[in-house]
N, C-alpha and C. Protein backbone atom coordinates (compact mmCIF):
# COMPACT_ATOMS: atom_id res chain seq x y z
N MET A 1 44.40 32.22 1.53
CA MET A 1 43.69 33.45 1.85
C MET A 1 42.33 33.08 2.43
N THR A 2 41.93 33.74 3.47
CA THR A 2 40.67 33.38 4.10
C THR A 2 39.58 34.42 3.95
N GLY A 3 39.91 35.69 3.89
CA GLY A 3 38.89 36.73 3.78
C GLY A 3 38.60 37.07 2.34
N PRO A 4 37.43 37.64 2.07
CA PRO A 4 37.10 38.00 0.70
C PRO A 4 37.93 39.19 0.23
N ALA A 5 38.22 39.19 -1.05
CA ALA A 5 38.97 40.30 -1.65
C ALA A 5 38.03 41.47 -1.88
N PRO A 6 38.54 42.69 -1.81
CA PRO A 6 37.71 43.83 -2.15
C PRO A 6 37.23 43.71 -3.59
N GLN A 7 36.01 44.14 -3.87
CA GLN A 7 35.47 44.00 -5.21
C GLN A 7 36.22 44.81 -6.26
N ASN A 8 37.01 45.81 -5.84
CA ASN A 8 37.79 46.54 -6.83
C ASN A 8 39.12 45.86 -7.10
N SER A 9 39.41 44.76 -6.40
CA SER A 9 40.63 44.00 -6.61
C SER A 9 40.62 43.38 -8.00
N LYS A 10 41.79 43.28 -8.60
CA LYS A 10 41.89 42.62 -9.90
C LYS A 10 42.00 41.11 -9.75
N ALA A 11 42.25 40.64 -8.54
CA ALA A 11 42.37 39.20 -8.29
C ALA A 11 40.98 38.63 -8.04
N ARG A 12 40.19 38.60 -9.12
CA ARG A 12 38.81 38.12 -8.98
C ARG A 12 38.30 37.62 -10.33
N LEU A 13 37.23 36.85 -10.23
CA LEU A 13 36.56 36.35 -11.43
C LEU A 13 35.43 37.29 -11.81
N VAL A 14 35.31 37.55 -13.11
CA VAL A 14 34.20 38.36 -13.61
C VAL A 14 33.26 37.54 -14.50
N ASP A 15 33.67 36.30 -14.81
CA ASP A 15 32.82 35.42 -15.61
C ASP A 15 33.23 33.98 -15.34
N VAL A 16 32.24 33.10 -15.19
CA VAL A 16 32.49 31.68 -14.99
C VAL A 16 31.51 30.92 -15.86
N THR A 17 32.03 29.99 -16.64
CA THR A 17 31.18 29.14 -17.47
C THR A 17 31.54 27.68 -17.25
N LEU A 18 30.57 26.81 -17.49
CA LEU A 18 30.78 25.37 -17.43
C LEU A 18 30.61 24.81 -18.82
N ASP A 19 31.39 23.80 -19.13
CA ASP A 19 31.27 23.12 -20.40
C ASP A 19 29.97 22.31 -20.39
N ASP A 20 29.02 22.73 -21.20
CA ASP A 20 27.72 22.05 -21.25
C ASP A 20 27.84 20.57 -21.56
N SER A 21 28.82 20.19 -22.40
CA SER A 21 28.95 18.79 -22.78
C SER A 21 29.47 17.94 -21.62
N SER A 22 30.04 18.57 -20.58
CA SER A 22 30.52 17.84 -19.41
C SER A 22 29.38 17.47 -18.47
N ILE A 23 28.24 18.12 -18.62
CA ILE A 23 27.12 17.89 -17.71
C ILE A 23 26.21 16.83 -18.32
N ILE A 24 26.08 15.71 -17.60
CA ILE A 24 25.30 14.59 -18.10
C ILE A 24 23.80 14.87 -18.00
N ARG A 25 23.37 15.37 -16.85
CA ARG A 25 21.94 15.62 -16.62
C ARG A 25 21.76 17.10 -16.32
N TRP A 26 20.92 17.74 -17.08
CA TRP A 26 20.72 19.18 -16.94
C TRP A 26 19.26 19.44 -16.61
N SER A 27 18.90 19.17 -15.36
CA SER A 27 17.52 19.39 -14.94
C SER A 27 17.37 20.84 -14.47
N GLN A 28 16.12 21.21 -14.15
CA GLN A 28 15.89 22.56 -13.62
C GLN A 28 16.63 22.77 -12.30
N ASP A 29 16.68 21.73 -11.45
CA ASP A 29 17.38 21.85 -10.18
C ASP A 29 18.87 22.06 -10.39
N VAL A 30 19.46 21.30 -11.31
CA VAL A 30 20.88 21.45 -11.61
C VAL A 30 21.16 22.84 -12.16
N ASP A 31 20.32 23.28 -13.08
CA ASP A 31 20.51 24.60 -13.67
C ASP A 31 20.39 25.69 -12.60
N HIS A 32 19.44 25.51 -11.67
CA HIS A 32 19.28 26.48 -10.59
C HIS A 32 20.53 26.52 -9.71
N GLU A 33 21.05 25.35 -9.31
CA GLU A 33 22.27 25.29 -8.49
C GLU A 33 23.43 25.96 -9.21
N ARG A 34 23.56 25.70 -10.50
CA ARG A 34 24.63 26.30 -11.29
C ARG A 34 24.51 27.81 -11.31
N ARG A 35 23.30 28.31 -11.60
CA ARG A 35 23.10 29.76 -11.69
C ARG A 35 23.35 30.45 -10.34
N VAL A 36 22.86 29.86 -9.25
CA VAL A 36 23.06 30.45 -7.93
C VAL A 36 24.54 30.46 -7.57
N ALA A 37 25.23 29.34 -7.79
CA ALA A 37 26.66 29.28 -7.46
C ALA A 37 27.46 30.31 -8.25
N ILE A 38 27.16 30.44 -9.54
CA ILE A 38 27.88 31.41 -10.37
C ILE A 38 27.54 32.83 -9.93
N PHE A 39 26.26 33.11 -9.68
CA PHE A 39 25.87 34.45 -9.23
C PHE A 39 26.60 34.82 -7.94
N ASP A 40 26.54 33.92 -6.95
CA ASP A 40 27.20 34.18 -5.67
C ASP A 40 28.71 34.33 -5.85
N LEU A 41 29.28 33.48 -6.67
CA LEU A 41 30.72 33.52 -6.91
C LEU A 41 31.14 34.86 -7.50
N LEU A 42 30.38 35.35 -8.47
CA LEU A 42 30.75 36.61 -9.12
C LEU A 42 30.52 37.83 -8.23
N GLN A 43 29.66 37.70 -7.23
CA GLN A 43 29.42 38.81 -6.32
C GLN A 43 30.63 39.08 -5.43
N HIS A 44 31.21 38.04 -4.89
CA HIS A 44 32.35 38.17 -3.97
C HIS A 44 33.27 36.98 -4.17
N ASN A 45 34.48 37.24 -4.65
CA ASN A 45 35.43 36.15 -4.81
C ASN A 45 36.85 36.67 -4.77
N PHE A 46 37.76 35.77 -4.52
CA PHE A 46 39.19 36.03 -4.63
C PHE A 46 39.76 34.91 -5.46
N PHE A 47 40.35 35.25 -6.59
CA PHE A 47 40.88 34.27 -7.53
C PHE A 47 42.15 34.86 -8.14
N SER A 48 43.28 34.27 -7.80
CA SER A 48 44.56 34.82 -8.23
C SER A 48 45.46 33.72 -8.79
N PRO A 49 45.45 33.54 -10.13
CA PRO A 49 46.33 32.54 -10.73
C PRO A 49 47.79 32.92 -10.50
N LYS A 50 48.58 31.91 -10.20
CA LYS A 50 50.01 32.13 -9.99
C LYS A 50 50.70 32.04 -11.35
N GLY A 51 51.40 33.08 -11.71
CA GLY A 51 52.03 33.13 -13.02
C GLY A 51 53.52 32.97 -12.96
N PRO A 52 54.14 33.07 -14.12
CA PRO A 52 55.59 32.90 -14.20
C PRO A 52 56.37 34.04 -13.54
N LEU A 53 55.74 35.19 -13.39
CA LEU A 53 56.38 36.32 -12.74
C LEU A 53 55.96 36.36 -11.28
N PRO A 54 56.75 36.97 -10.41
CA PRO A 54 56.44 36.98 -8.97
C PRO A 54 55.05 37.50 -8.62
N GLY A 55 54.52 38.46 -9.35
CA GLY A 55 53.21 39.02 -9.04
C GLY A 55 52.04 38.23 -9.59
N GLY A 56 52.30 37.16 -10.33
CA GLY A 56 51.21 36.40 -10.94
C GLY A 56 50.62 37.16 -12.12
N TYR A 57 49.39 36.86 -12.43
CA TYR A 57 48.70 37.52 -13.54
C TYR A 57 47.90 38.69 -12.99
N GLY A 58 47.56 39.65 -13.87
CA GLY A 58 46.91 40.87 -13.44
C GLY A 58 45.44 40.75 -13.08
N GLY A 59 44.64 40.20 -13.94
CA GLY A 59 43.21 40.08 -13.67
C GLY A 59 42.46 41.36 -13.98
N PRO A 60 41.16 41.35 -13.82
CA PRO A 60 40.25 40.26 -13.46
C PRO A 60 40.23 39.16 -14.53
N PHE A 61 39.57 38.04 -14.17
CA PHE A 61 39.68 36.82 -14.97
C PHE A 61 38.32 36.24 -15.36
N ARG A 62 38.37 35.45 -16.42
CA ARG A 62 37.26 34.60 -16.85
C ARG A 62 37.72 33.15 -16.64
N LEU A 63 36.80 32.32 -16.18
CA LEU A 63 37.11 30.92 -15.92
C LEU A 63 36.10 30.03 -16.64
N HIS A 64 36.64 29.04 -17.34
CA HIS A 64 35.79 28.02 -17.97
C HIS A 64 36.19 26.68 -17.36
N LEU A 65 35.22 25.97 -16.79
CA LEU A 65 35.45 24.67 -16.17
C LEU A 65 34.87 23.56 -17.03
N SER A 66 35.62 22.47 -17.15
CA SER A 66 35.13 21.31 -17.88
C SER A 66 35.79 20.06 -17.31
N VAL A 67 35.28 18.92 -17.71
CA VAL A 67 35.89 17.65 -17.38
C VAL A 67 36.40 17.06 -18.68
N THR A 68 37.72 16.81 -18.72
CA THR A 68 38.37 16.28 -19.91
C THR A 68 39.21 15.09 -19.50
N GLU A 69 38.94 13.95 -20.11
CA GLU A 69 39.70 12.72 -19.84
C GLU A 69 39.80 12.44 -18.34
N GLY A 70 38.69 12.61 -17.63
CA GLY A 70 38.65 12.32 -16.21
C GLY A 70 39.37 13.32 -15.33
N ARG A 71 39.64 14.47 -15.87
CA ARG A 71 40.32 15.52 -15.10
C ARG A 71 39.51 16.80 -15.18
N LEU A 72 39.59 17.58 -14.11
CA LEU A 72 38.93 18.87 -14.06
C LEU A 72 39.83 19.89 -14.74
N GLU A 73 39.32 20.52 -15.78
CA GLU A 73 40.13 21.47 -16.55
C GLU A 73 39.71 22.90 -16.23
N PHE A 74 40.70 23.72 -15.94
CA PHE A 74 40.54 25.14 -15.69
C PHE A 74 41.14 25.89 -16.87
N ASP A 75 40.32 26.64 -17.59
CA ASP A 75 40.81 27.52 -18.66
C ASP A 75 40.61 28.94 -18.17
N ILE A 76 41.71 29.68 -18.05
CA ILE A 76 41.67 31.02 -17.48
C ILE A 76 42.07 32.04 -18.54
N SER A 77 41.24 33.08 -18.65
CA SER A 77 41.49 34.16 -19.60
C SER A 77 41.41 35.50 -18.87
N GLU A 78 41.94 36.51 -19.53
CA GLU A 78 41.77 37.87 -19.03
C GLU A 78 40.33 38.28 -19.21
N GLU A 79 39.96 39.38 -18.61
CA GLU A 79 38.58 39.89 -18.71
C GLU A 79 38.18 40.11 -20.16
N ASN A 80 39.13 40.53 -21.00
CA ASN A 80 38.84 40.79 -22.41
C ASN A 80 38.81 39.52 -23.26
N GLY A 81 39.06 38.36 -22.65
CA GLY A 81 38.99 37.09 -23.36
C GLY A 81 40.33 36.55 -23.81
N ASN A 82 41.41 37.31 -23.65
CA ASN A 82 42.73 36.81 -24.04
C ASN A 82 43.13 35.66 -23.12
N PHE A 83 43.47 34.53 -23.73
CA PHE A 83 43.85 33.33 -22.99
C PHE A 83 45.10 33.57 -22.14
N ILE A 84 45.07 33.07 -20.90
CA ILE A 84 46.23 33.17 -20.01
C ILE A 84 46.87 31.81 -19.79
N THR A 85 46.08 30.88 -19.26
CA THR A 85 46.64 29.57 -18.93
C THR A 85 45.52 28.54 -18.82
N SER A 86 45.93 27.30 -18.85
CA SER A 86 45.02 26.19 -18.68
C SER A 86 45.75 25.11 -17.89
N PHE A 87 45.03 24.43 -17.03
CA PHE A 87 45.63 23.31 -16.30
C PHE A 87 44.52 22.34 -15.92
N ARG A 88 44.95 21.13 -15.59
CA ARG A 88 44.00 20.08 -15.19
C ARG A 88 44.36 19.57 -13.81
N LEU A 89 43.32 19.23 -13.06
CA LEU A 89 43.47 18.59 -11.76
C LEU A 89 42.86 17.20 -11.83
N PRO A 90 43.54 16.20 -11.29
CA PRO A 90 42.93 14.87 -11.23
C PRO A 90 41.66 14.91 -10.37
N LEU A 91 40.64 14.20 -10.82
CA LEU A 91 39.38 14.17 -10.08
C LEU A 91 39.35 13.09 -9.00
N THR A 92 40.27 12.15 -9.07
CA THR A 92 40.28 11.04 -8.11
C THR A 92 40.22 11.51 -6.67
N PRO A 93 41.00 12.52 -6.24
CA PRO A 93 40.91 12.94 -4.83
C PRO A 93 39.55 13.49 -4.43
N PHE A 94 38.75 13.93 -5.40
CA PHE A 94 37.44 14.53 -5.12
C PHE A 94 36.30 13.51 -5.12
N ARG A 95 36.51 12.35 -5.71
CA ARG A 95 35.42 11.41 -5.94
C ARG A 95 34.68 11.00 -4.66
N ARG A 96 35.41 10.66 -3.60
CA ARG A 96 34.75 10.21 -2.38
C ARG A 96 33.91 11.32 -1.77
N VAL A 97 34.47 12.52 -1.65
CA VAL A 97 33.72 13.60 -1.01
C VAL A 97 32.52 14.00 -1.87
N ILE A 98 32.65 13.96 -3.19
CA ILE A 98 31.51 14.28 -4.06
C ILE A 98 30.43 13.21 -3.91
N LYS A 99 30.83 11.94 -3.90
CA LYS A 99 29.86 10.85 -3.72
C LYS A 99 29.13 10.99 -2.38
N ASP A 100 29.89 11.23 -1.31
CA ASP A 100 29.29 11.39 0.01
C ASP A 100 28.40 12.64 0.05
N TYR A 101 28.83 13.70 -0.60
CA TYR A 101 28.05 14.93 -0.63
C TYR A 101 26.71 14.71 -1.33
N PHE A 102 26.73 14.01 -2.47
CA PHE A 102 25.49 13.71 -3.17
C PHE A 102 24.57 12.85 -2.31
N ALA A 103 25.14 11.86 -1.61
CA ALA A 103 24.33 10.98 -0.77
C ALA A 103 23.66 11.77 0.35
N ILE A 104 24.39 12.65 0.99
CA ILE A 104 23.80 13.41 2.10
C ILE A 104 22.81 14.45 1.58
N CYS A 105 23.05 14.98 0.38
CA CYS A 105 22.07 15.91 -0.21
C CYS A 105 20.76 15.18 -0.49
N ASP A 106 20.85 13.95 -1.00
CA ASP A 106 19.63 13.16 -1.23
C ASP A 106 18.89 12.94 0.10
N SER A 107 19.64 12.61 1.16
CA SER A 107 19.02 12.42 2.48
C SER A 107 18.36 13.71 2.96
N TYR A 108 19.03 14.82 2.72
CA TYR A 108 18.49 16.12 3.15
C TYR A 108 17.17 16.41 2.44
N PHE A 109 17.14 16.21 1.12
CA PHE A 109 15.92 16.51 0.37
C PHE A 109 14.77 15.56 0.73
N GLN A 110 15.10 14.33 1.10
CA GLN A 110 14.08 13.42 1.59
C GLN A 110 13.60 13.84 2.98
N ALA A 111 14.55 14.27 3.82
CA ALA A 111 14.22 14.64 5.20
C ALA A 111 13.31 15.86 5.26
N ILE A 112 13.51 16.81 4.38
CA ILE A 112 12.69 18.03 4.48
C ILE A 112 11.22 17.75 4.20
N LYS A 113 10.93 16.58 3.65
CA LYS A 113 9.54 16.21 3.39
C LYS A 113 8.85 15.65 4.64
N THR A 114 9.62 14.94 5.50
CA THR A 114 8.97 14.22 6.59
C THR A 114 9.66 14.31 7.95
N ALA A 115 10.91 14.69 8.00
CA ALA A 115 11.68 14.64 9.25
C ALA A 115 11.39 15.84 10.14
N SER A 116 11.77 15.69 11.40
CA SER A 116 11.62 16.79 12.36
C SER A 116 12.68 17.85 12.07
N PRO A 117 12.43 19.07 12.53
CA PRO A 117 13.43 20.14 12.33
C PRO A 117 14.81 19.78 12.87
N SER A 118 14.87 19.10 14.00
CA SER A 118 16.19 18.74 14.56
C SER A 118 16.90 17.71 13.68
N GLN A 119 16.15 16.78 13.09
CA GLN A 119 16.75 15.80 12.18
C GLN A 119 17.25 16.49 10.91
N ILE A 120 16.46 17.41 10.40
CA ILE A 120 16.86 18.15 9.20
C ILE A 120 18.12 18.96 9.48
N GLU A 121 18.15 19.60 10.65
CA GLU A 121 19.32 20.40 11.02
C GLU A 121 20.57 19.53 11.12
N ALA A 122 20.46 18.35 11.69
CA ALA A 122 21.61 17.44 11.83
C ALA A 122 22.13 17.02 10.46
N ILE A 123 21.22 16.68 9.56
CA ILE A 123 21.63 16.29 8.21
C ILE A 123 22.26 17.48 7.49
N ASP A 124 21.68 18.66 7.68
CA ASP A 124 22.22 19.85 7.03
C ASP A 124 23.63 20.17 7.55
N MET A 125 23.87 19.95 8.83
CA MET A 125 25.22 20.17 9.37
C MET A 125 26.22 19.21 8.73
N GLY A 126 25.81 17.98 8.51
CA GLY A 126 26.67 17.01 7.83
C GLY A 126 26.92 17.41 6.39
N ARG A 127 25.88 17.92 5.74
CA ARG A 127 26.00 18.37 4.35
C ARG A 127 27.00 19.52 4.26
N ARG A 128 26.88 20.47 5.17
CA ARG A 128 27.81 21.61 5.17
C ARG A 128 29.24 21.17 5.46
N SER A 129 29.37 20.21 6.37
CA SER A 129 30.70 19.70 6.71
C SER A 129 31.37 19.07 5.49
N LEU A 130 30.62 18.27 4.75
CA LEU A 130 31.18 17.65 3.54
C LEU A 130 31.50 18.71 2.49
N HIS A 131 30.66 19.72 2.38
CA HIS A 131 30.91 20.81 1.43
C HIS A 131 32.20 21.53 1.81
N ASN A 132 32.39 21.76 3.11
CA ASN A 132 33.64 22.39 3.57
C ASN A 132 34.84 21.50 3.29
N GLU A 133 34.68 20.20 3.48
CA GLU A 133 35.77 19.27 3.20
C GLU A 133 36.16 19.33 1.72
N GLY A 134 35.17 19.36 0.84
CA GLY A 134 35.45 19.48 -0.59
C GLY A 134 36.12 20.80 -0.93
N SER A 135 35.69 21.87 -0.29
CA SER A 135 36.28 23.19 -0.52
C SER A 135 37.73 23.23 -0.05
N ASP A 136 37.99 22.65 1.12
CA ASP A 136 39.36 22.61 1.64
C ASP A 136 40.26 21.79 0.71
N LEU A 137 39.74 20.68 0.22
CA LEU A 137 40.50 19.85 -0.71
C LEU A 137 40.81 20.64 -1.99
N LEU A 138 39.84 21.40 -2.46
CA LEU A 138 40.06 22.19 -3.67
C LEU A 138 41.14 23.25 -3.44
N ILE A 139 41.10 23.93 -2.30
CA ILE A 139 42.14 24.91 -1.99
C ILE A 139 43.51 24.24 -2.00
N GLU A 140 43.59 23.07 -1.37
CA GLU A 140 44.86 22.33 -1.32
C GLU A 140 45.33 21.95 -2.72
N ARG A 141 44.43 21.41 -3.54
CA ARG A 141 44.80 20.93 -4.88
C ARG A 141 45.15 22.08 -5.83
N LEU A 142 44.53 23.25 -5.62
CA LEU A 142 44.83 24.42 -6.45
C LEU A 142 46.12 25.12 -6.01
N GLY A 143 46.61 24.78 -4.83
CA GLY A 143 47.70 25.49 -4.17
C GLY A 143 48.80 26.08 -5.02
N LYS A 144 49.36 25.32 -5.94
CA LYS A 144 50.48 25.82 -6.75
C LYS A 144 50.02 26.54 -8.01
N LYS A 145 48.73 26.50 -8.29
CA LYS A 145 48.21 27.10 -9.52
C LYS A 145 47.44 28.39 -9.31
N VAL A 146 46.55 28.38 -8.28
CA VAL A 146 45.64 29.51 -8.05
C VAL A 146 45.42 29.68 -6.56
N SER A 147 45.42 30.92 -6.11
CA SER A 147 45.01 31.22 -4.73
C SER A 147 43.54 31.62 -4.74
N VAL A 148 42.78 31.03 -3.83
CA VAL A 148 41.36 31.37 -3.69
C VAL A 148 41.06 31.48 -2.20
N ASP A 149 39.99 32.21 -1.87
CA ASP A 149 39.55 32.26 -0.48
C ASP A 149 38.53 31.13 -0.24
N ASN A 150 38.11 30.99 1.01
CA ASN A 150 37.19 29.90 1.36
C ASN A 150 35.86 29.99 0.63
N ASN A 151 35.27 31.18 0.55
CA ASN A 151 33.98 31.32 -0.12
C ASN A 151 34.08 31.00 -1.61
N THR A 152 35.17 31.42 -2.23
CA THR A 152 35.36 31.11 -3.65
C THR A 152 35.50 29.61 -3.83
N ALA A 153 36.27 28.97 -2.98
CA ALA A 153 36.45 27.52 -3.06
C ALA A 153 35.12 26.79 -2.86
N ARG A 154 34.29 27.26 -1.92
CA ARG A 154 32.99 26.63 -1.69
C ARG A 154 32.13 26.68 -2.95
N ARG A 155 32.08 27.82 -3.58
CA ARG A 155 31.24 27.96 -4.77
C ARG A 155 31.81 27.19 -5.96
N LEU A 156 33.13 27.17 -6.07
CA LEU A 156 33.75 26.37 -7.13
C LEU A 156 33.50 24.88 -6.90
N PHE A 157 33.51 24.45 -5.63
CA PHE A 157 33.20 23.05 -5.34
C PHE A 157 31.77 22.72 -5.76
N THR A 158 30.84 23.62 -5.53
CA THR A 158 29.47 23.41 -6.00
C THR A 158 29.44 23.20 -7.51
N LEU A 159 30.19 24.00 -8.24
CA LEU A 159 30.22 23.87 -9.70
C LEU A 159 30.89 22.56 -10.13
N ILE A 160 31.89 22.13 -9.40
CA ILE A 160 32.51 20.84 -9.69
C ILE A 160 31.48 19.72 -9.49
N CYS A 161 30.68 19.85 -8.45
CA CYS A 161 29.62 18.86 -8.22
C CYS A 161 28.61 18.86 -9.37
N VAL A 162 28.25 20.03 -9.87
CA VAL A 162 27.33 20.12 -11.01
C VAL A 162 27.89 19.35 -12.20
N LEU A 163 29.21 19.46 -12.39
CA LEU A 163 29.85 18.74 -13.51
C LEU A 163 29.84 17.23 -13.30
N HIS A 164 29.54 16.76 -12.09
CA HIS A 164 29.57 15.33 -11.78
C HIS A 164 28.20 14.69 -11.63
N ILE A 165 27.15 15.44 -11.80
CA ILE A 165 25.81 14.87 -11.64
C ILE A 165 25.55 13.87 -12.75
N ARG A 166 25.14 12.71 -12.36
CA ARG A 166 24.86 11.62 -13.31
C ARG A 166 23.36 11.39 -13.39
N ALA A 167 22.94 10.92 -14.53
CA ALA A 167 21.51 10.65 -14.74
C ALA A 167 21.05 9.51 -13.85
């Protein structure tokens, strides 16, 4: 799915949390990125877990993300908190793009201090490209479990990155 779902759709997230123990470094910057990604995600998203029945699950949904035994864990509940399903995705396919994304973000933050606007713009284009690559990979890896749109995948990728920040 590429376009955003209508906000009255039941195929959406109404709450997203991260496992605090999965986050190694919790600085003000990390907390800000987490809060912005969750706020934006909850404003407009499409999230439709594929269930055992042809129509999937009803929704809206709550999502809890964590890293368990080197895997990204998705715990999905109904809006009222009733558990629906849980699954894990291997993190190995994401490691390179996350590492590259962190490296280019570091370059971007250094560049905004001293670089020319054209240099900053070039680095920012690379940063966005890597973010899109991570989002596309997430859509692909979620394929049999959950349908999401591009904007939802982008924000979820940001949250996955938050779970990978190292001291």
